[in-house]
Amino acid sequence: MSSWLNHNKVIYIFSNLLVLPAIFIPSIDLISNISFFIAFIFFLNSNILLSLVLCVALLIKNNSNYRLNLLLIHKGEEVSKTDYECVYLYAWCTFLRYFLIGLAVNRIFLFFE
């Protein structure tokens, strides 16, 4: 039982550390959506399969973000700041945002090389 609690605390702390940079970046969701279109255009010419993966990642990100907004309304503003479900879902959305931004930056870097 003790190791299970420690495991949950480690995941909770890691999730909070993952979302910390995203909190300081204004409109990170808009940046990730623009990054999706940039990466999609670059991958469309070279790798159709990766373009489909990008589309799926965008759909999952938008669905998760919608579910997070519903959860925040349901839980309330004060409870949601420390609730495990809210933190995990926000970390998942942030991870998908980082994924989309990272792929776009990678493709832009390779394009200008």
N, C-alpha and C. Protein backbone atom coordinates (compact mmCIF):
# COMPACT_ATOMS: atom_id res chain seq x y z
N MET A 1 0.83 -1.19 0.00
CA MET A 1 0.00 0.00 0.00
C MET A 1 0.87 1.24 0.00
N SER A 2 1.95 1.22 0.73
CA SER A 2 2.82 2.38 0.82
C SER A 2 3.50 2.67 -0.51
N SER A 3 3.93 1.62 -1.23
CA SER A 3 4.59 1.84 -2.51
C SER A 3 3.61 2.39 -3.54
N TRP A 4 2.34 2.00 -3.45
CA TRP A 4 1.32 2.50 -4.35
C TRP A 4 1.10 3.99 -4.12
N LEU A 5 1.08 4.42 -2.86
CA LEU A 5 0.93 5.83 -2.55
C LEU A 5 2.14 6.63 -3.02
N ASN A 6 3.32 6.10 -2.82
CA ASN A 6 4.52 6.78 -3.28
C ASN A 6 4.55 6.88 -4.80
N HIS A 7 4.09 5.83 -5.48
CA HIS A 7 4.02 5.83 -6.94
C HIS A 7 3.07 6.93 -7.42
N ASN A 8 1.91 7.05 -6.78
CA ASN A 8 0.95 8.08 -7.17
C ASN A 8 1.51 9.48 -6.91
N LYS A 9 2.24 9.66 -5.82
CA LYS A 9 2.83 10.96 -5.53
C LYS A 9 3.89 11.32 -6.57
N VAL A 10 4.67 10.35 -6.98
CA VAL A 10 5.70 10.60 -7.99
C VAL A 10 5.05 11.00 -9.31
N ILE A 11 4.01 10.30 -9.71
CA ILE A 11 3.30 10.63 -10.95
C ILE A 11 2.65 12.00 -10.84
N TYR A 12 2.09 12.32 -9.70
CA TYR A 12 1.45 13.62 -9.48
C TYR A 12 2.49 14.75 -9.57
N ILE A 13 3.64 14.55 -8.97
CA ILE A 13 4.70 15.56 -9.01
C ILE A 13 5.24 15.69 -10.43
N PHE A 14 5.45 14.58 -11.11
CA PHE A 14 5.93 14.63 -12.49
C PHE A 14 4.92 15.33 -13.39
N SER A 15 3.63 15.08 -13.17
CA SER A 15 2.60 15.74 -13.97
C SER A 15 2.62 17.24 -13.74
N ASN A 16 2.79 17.66 -12.51
CA ASN A 16 2.87 19.09 -12.23
C ASN A 16 4.10 19.72 -12.85
N LEU A 17 5.22 19.01 -12.84
CA LEU A 17 6.43 19.53 -13.46
C LEU A 17 6.30 19.61 -14.98
N LEU A 18 5.56 18.69 -15.57
CA LEU A 18 5.36 18.68 -17.00
C LEU A 18 4.55 19.89 -17.47
N VAL A 19 3.56 20.28 -16.69
CA VAL A 19 2.69 21.38 -17.11
C VAL A 19 3.22 22.74 -16.70
N LEU A 20 4.24 22.79 -15.89
CA LEU A 20 4.75 24.07 -15.40
C LEU A 20 5.17 25.02 -16.52
N PRO A 21 5.95 24.60 -17.53
CA PRO A 21 6.28 25.55 -18.61
C PRO A 21 5.06 26.00 -19.41
N ALA A 22 4.07 25.14 -19.55
CA ALA A 22 2.88 25.49 -20.32
C ALA A 22 2.04 26.55 -19.63
N ILE A 23 2.12 26.62 -18.31
CA ILE A 23 1.36 27.62 -17.57
C ILE A 23 1.90 29.02 -17.88
N PHE A 24 3.21 29.13 -18.08
CA PHE A 24 3.83 30.43 -18.30
C PHE A 24 3.77 30.88 -19.76
N ILE A 25 3.45 29.99 -20.68
CA ILE A 25 3.36 30.35 -22.10
C ILE A 25 1.92 30.76 -22.39
N PRO A 26 1.70 32.01 -22.77
CA PRO A 26 0.32 32.42 -23.07
C PRO A 26 -0.16 31.78 -24.37
N SER A 27 -1.38 31.37 -24.37
CA SER A 27 -2.07 30.75 -25.51
C SER A 27 -1.27 29.61 -26.14
N ILE A 28 -0.87 28.66 -25.31
CA ILE A 28 -0.10 27.51 -25.81
C ILE A 28 -0.97 26.63 -26.70
N ASP A 29 -2.27 26.64 -26.48
CA ASP A 29 -3.16 25.84 -27.31
C ASP A 29 -3.17 26.38 -28.75
N LEU A 30 -3.19 27.69 -28.89
CA LEU A 30 -3.14 28.30 -30.22
C LEU A 30 -1.80 27.99 -30.89
N ILE A 31 -0.72 28.05 -30.15
CA ILE A 31 0.60 27.75 -30.69
C ILE A 31 0.67 26.30 -31.15
N SER A 32 0.08 25.38 -30.38
CA SER A 32 0.11 23.97 -30.79
C SER A 32 -0.77 23.72 -32.01
N ASN A 33 -1.87 24.45 -32.14
CA ASN A 33 -2.71 24.29 -33.34
C ASN A 33 -2.00 24.81 -34.58
N ILE A 34 -1.32 25.95 -34.46
CA ILE A 34 -0.55 26.47 -35.59
C ILE A 34 0.60 25.52 -35.92
N SER A 35 1.21 24.96 -34.90
CA SER A 35 2.29 23.99 -35.11
C SER A 35 1.79 22.76 -35.84
N PHE A 36 0.57 22.35 -35.53
CA PHE A 36 -0.01 21.20 -36.23
C PHE A 36 -0.09 21.48 -37.72
N PHE A 37 -0.60 22.63 -38.10
CA PHE A 37 -0.75 22.93 -39.53
C PHE A 37 0.61 23.02 -40.23
N ILE A 38 1.60 23.59 -39.55
CA ILE A 38 2.94 23.67 -40.14
C ILE A 38 3.52 22.27 -40.33
N ALA A 39 3.45 21.44 -39.29
CA ALA A 39 3.98 20.09 -39.39
C ALA A 39 3.20 19.25 -40.39
N PHE A 40 1.88 19.44 -40.45
CA PHE A 40 1.06 18.69 -41.39
C PHE A 40 1.45 18.99 -42.83
N ILE A 41 1.70 20.25 -43.12
CA ILE A 41 2.09 20.63 -44.47
C ILE A 41 3.45 20.02 -44.83
N PHE A 42 4.39 20.06 -43.90
CA PHE A 42 5.70 19.49 -44.18
C PHE A 42 5.64 17.97 -44.32
N PHE A 43 4.86 17.31 -43.48
CA PHE A 43 4.79 15.85 -43.53
C PHE A 43 3.90 15.34 -44.66
N LEU A 44 3.01 16.17 -45.16
CA LEU A 44 2.12 15.73 -46.23
C LEU A 44 2.90 15.39 -47.49
N ASN A 45 3.96 16.14 -47.74
CA ASN A 45 4.78 15.88 -48.93
C ASN A 45 5.72 14.69 -48.75
N SER A 46 6.13 14.42 -47.51
CA SER A 46 7.15 13.40 -47.33
C SER A 46 6.63 12.11 -46.69
N ASN A 47 5.73 12.20 -45.73
CA ASN A 47 5.32 11.01 -44.99
C ASN A 47 3.82 11.09 -44.67
N ILE A 48 3.03 10.38 -45.43
CA ILE A 48 1.58 10.42 -45.25
C ILE A 48 1.18 9.78 -43.92
N LEU A 49 1.85 8.72 -43.53
CA LEU A 49 1.52 8.04 -42.28
C LEU A 49 1.72 8.96 -41.08
N LEU A 50 2.81 9.70 -41.08
CA LEU A 50 3.05 10.63 -39.98
C LEU A 50 2.06 11.79 -40.00
N SER A 51 1.57 12.15 -41.18
CA SER A 51 0.52 13.16 -41.27
C SER A 51 -0.76 12.67 -40.60
N LEU A 52 -1.07 11.39 -40.79
CA LEU A 52 -2.24 10.81 -40.14
C LEU A 52 -2.06 10.74 -38.63
N VAL A 53 -0.84 10.43 -38.18
CA VAL A 53 -0.55 10.41 -36.75
C VAL A 53 -0.75 11.81 -36.16
N LEU A 54 -0.32 12.83 -36.90
CA LEU A 54 -0.52 14.21 -36.46
C LEU A 54 -2.01 14.54 -36.34
N CYS A 55 -2.79 14.10 -37.30
CA CYS A 55 -4.24 14.35 -37.25
C CYS A 55 -4.87 13.67 -36.03
N VAL A 56 -4.46 12.45 -35.78
CA VAL A 56 -4.98 11.73 -34.61
C VAL A 56 -4.56 12.42 -33.31
N ALA A 57 -3.32 12.88 -33.26
CA ALA A 57 -2.84 13.59 -32.07
C ALA A 57 -3.62 14.88 -31.85
N LEU A 58 -3.93 15.60 -32.92
CA LEU A 58 -4.73 16.82 -32.79
C LEU A 58 -6.14 16.51 -32.31
N LEU A 59 -6.73 15.46 -32.85
CA LEU A 59 -8.08 15.08 -32.41
C LEU A 59 -8.09 14.67 -30.94
N ILE A 60 -7.11 13.90 -30.53
CA ILE A 60 -7.04 13.47 -29.13
C ILE A 60 -6.80 14.68 -28.22
N LYS A 61 -5.94 15.61 -28.65
CA LYS A 61 -5.66 16.80 -27.85
C LYS A 61 -6.91 17.65 -27.68
N ASN A 62 -7.64 17.86 -28.78
CA ASN A 62 -8.85 18.68 -28.69
C ASN A 62 -9.93 17.99 -27.86
N ASN A 63 -10.06 16.67 -27.99
CA ASN A 63 -11.02 15.93 -27.18
C ASN A 63 -10.65 15.98 -25.70
N SER A 64 -9.37 15.82 -25.41
CA SER A 64 -8.92 15.88 -24.02
C SER A 64 -9.10 17.27 -23.43
N ASN A 65 -8.85 18.27 -24.24
CA ASN A 65 -9.03 19.64 -23.77
C ASN A 65 -10.51 19.93 -23.49
N TYR A 66 -11.40 19.42 -24.33
CA TYR A 66 -12.83 19.56 -24.10
C TYR A 66 -13.25 18.85 -22.81
N ARG A 67 -12.75 17.65 -22.61
CA ARG A 67 -13.07 16.92 -21.38
C ARG A 67 -12.50 17.61 -20.15
N LEU A 68 -11.33 18.22 -20.29
CA LEU A 68 -10.75 18.97 -19.18
C LEU A 68 -11.62 20.17 -18.82
N ASN A 69 -12.10 20.87 -19.83
CA ASN A 69 -12.99 22.01 -19.55
C ASN A 69 -14.26 21.57 -18.86
N LEU A 70 -14.82 20.45 -19.27
CA LEU A 70 -16.01 19.92 -18.59
C LEU A 70 -15.71 19.52 -17.16
N LEU A 71 -14.55 18.91 -16.95
CA LEU A 71 -14.15 18.50 -15.61
C LEU A 71 -13.91 19.70 -14.70
N LEU A 72 -13.33 20.76 -15.26
CA LEU A 72 -13.10 21.96 -14.47
C LEU A 72 -14.42 22.62 -14.07
N ILE A 73 -15.39 22.60 -14.95
CA ILE A 73 -16.71 23.14 -14.60
C ILE A 73 -17.37 22.28 -13.53
N HIS A 74 -17.23 20.97 -13.67
CA HIS A 74 -17.85 20.04 -12.71
C HIS A 74 -17.21 20.12 -11.33
N LYS A 75 -15.89 20.18 -11.28
CA LYS A 75 -15.17 20.18 -9.99
C LYS A 75 -15.15 21.55 -9.33
N GLY A 76 -15.13 22.58 -10.12
CA GLY A 76 -14.99 23.92 -9.57
C GLY A 76 -13.54 24.37 -9.62
N GLU A 77 -13.34 25.68 -9.52
CA GLU A 77 -12.00 26.23 -9.70
C GLU A 77 -11.05 25.86 -8.57
N GLU A 78 -11.50 25.90 -7.35
CA GLU A 78 -10.61 25.65 -6.21
C GLU A 78 -10.24 24.17 -6.08
N VAL A 79 -11.21 23.29 -6.25
CA VAL A 79 -10.95 21.85 -6.10
C VAL A 79 -10.09 21.34 -7.25
N SER A 80 -10.28 21.89 -8.44
CA SER A 80 -9.57 21.38 -9.61
C SER A 80 -8.07 21.63 -9.56
N LYS A 81 -7.62 22.59 -8.77
CA LYS A 81 -6.18 22.88 -8.70
C LYS A 81 -5.40 21.75 -8.03
N THR A 82 -6.03 21.00 -7.16
CA THR A 82 -5.34 19.93 -6.46
C THR A 82 -5.91 18.54 -6.76
N ASP A 83 -6.90 18.47 -7.59
CA ASP A 83 -7.53 17.20 -7.92
C ASP A 83 -6.64 16.39 -8.87
N TYR A 84 -6.48 15.10 -8.56
CA TYR A 84 -5.62 14.24 -9.37
C TYR A 84 -6.11 14.13 -10.81
N GLU A 85 -7.41 13.96 -11.00
CA GLU A 85 -7.94 13.81 -12.35
C GLU A 85 -7.66 15.04 -13.20
N CYS A 86 -7.86 16.20 -12.63
CA CYS A 86 -7.63 17.44 -13.37
C CYS A 86 -6.16 17.62 -13.72
N VAL A 87 -5.29 17.33 -12.78
CA VAL A 87 -3.86 17.48 -13.02
C VAL A 87 -3.40 16.49 -14.08
N TYR A 88 -3.84 15.24 -13.99
CA TYR A 88 -3.44 14.23 -14.98
C TYR A 88 -3.97 14.57 -16.37
N LEU A 89 -5.20 15.02 -16.45
CA LEU A 89 -5.77 15.34 -17.76
C LEU A 89 -5.10 16.57 -18.35
N TYR A 90 -4.79 17.56 -17.52
CA TYR A 90 -4.08 18.73 -18.02
C TYR A 90 -2.66 18.35 -18.46
N ALA A 91 -2.02 17.45 -17.74
CA ALA A 91 -0.69 16.98 -18.13
C ALA A 91 -0.76 16.25 -19.47
N TRP A 92 -1.78 15.45 -19.67
CA TRP A 92 -1.95 14.73 -20.93
C TRP A 92 -2.15 15.72 -22.08
N CYS A 93 -2.99 16.72 -21.89
CA CYS A 93 -3.21 17.74 -22.92
C CYS A 93 -1.91 18.49 -23.22
N THR A 94 -1.18 18.81 -22.17
CA THR A 94 0.08 19.54 -22.34
C THR A 94 1.12 18.68 -23.06
N PHE A 95 1.17 17.40 -22.74
CA PHE A 95 2.08 16.50 -23.44
C PHE A 95 1.77 16.46 -24.94
N LEU A 96 0.49 16.39 -25.29
CA LEU A 96 0.12 16.38 -26.70
C LEU A 96 0.45 17.71 -27.37
N ARG A 97 0.30 18.80 -26.65
CA ARG A 97 0.69 20.11 -27.19
C ARG A 97 2.19 20.15 -27.46
N TYR A 98 2.97 19.67 -26.50
CA TYR A 98 4.42 19.63 -26.68
C TYR A 98 4.79 18.74 -27.87
N PHE A 99 4.08 17.64 -28.04
CA PHE A 99 4.34 16.74 -29.15
C PHE A 99 4.13 17.44 -30.49
N LEU A 100 3.01 18.16 -30.62
CA LEU A 100 2.72 18.86 -31.86
C LEU A 100 3.73 19.98 -32.12
N ILE A 101 4.07 20.73 -31.09
CA ILE A 101 5.04 21.81 -31.23
C ILE A 101 6.42 21.25 -31.57
N GLY A 102 6.79 20.17 -30.92
CA GLY A 102 8.09 19.55 -31.16
C GLY A 102 8.24 19.04 -32.57
N LEU A 103 7.20 18.41 -33.11
CA LEU A 103 7.28 17.93 -34.49
C LEU A 103 7.39 19.08 -35.48
N ALA A 104 6.65 20.16 -35.23
CA ALA A 104 6.73 21.31 -36.13
C ALA A 104 8.11 21.95 -36.08
N VAL A 105 8.65 22.11 -34.89
CA VAL A 105 9.99 22.70 -34.76
C VAL A 105 11.03 21.80 -35.43
N ASN A 106 10.89 20.50 -35.27
CA ASN A 106 11.81 19.56 -35.90
C ASN A 106 11.76 19.68 -37.41
N ARG A 107 10.57 19.73 -37.98
CA ARG A 107 10.45 19.82 -39.43
C ARG A 107 10.95 21.16 -39.96
N ILE A 108 10.72 22.24 -39.23
CA ILE A 108 11.24 23.54 -39.66
C ILE A 108 12.76 23.54 -39.62
N PHE A 109 13.31 22.95 -38.55
CA PHE A 109 14.77 22.88 -38.43
C PHE A 109 15.37 22.07 -39.58
N LEU A 110 14.75 20.94 -39.90
CA LEU A 110 15.26 20.11 -41.00
C LEU A 110 15.08 20.79 -42.36
N PHE A 111 14.03 21.58 -42.48
CA PHE A 111 13.79 22.29 -43.73
C PHE A 111 14.85 23.34 -44.01
N PHE A 112 15.27 24.04 -42.97
CA PHE A 112 16.27 25.11 -43.15
C PHE A 112 17.70 24.61 -43.08
N GLU A 113 17.90 23.36 -42.84
CA GLU A 113 19.25 22.79 -42.79
C GLU A 113 19.82 22.56 -44.15
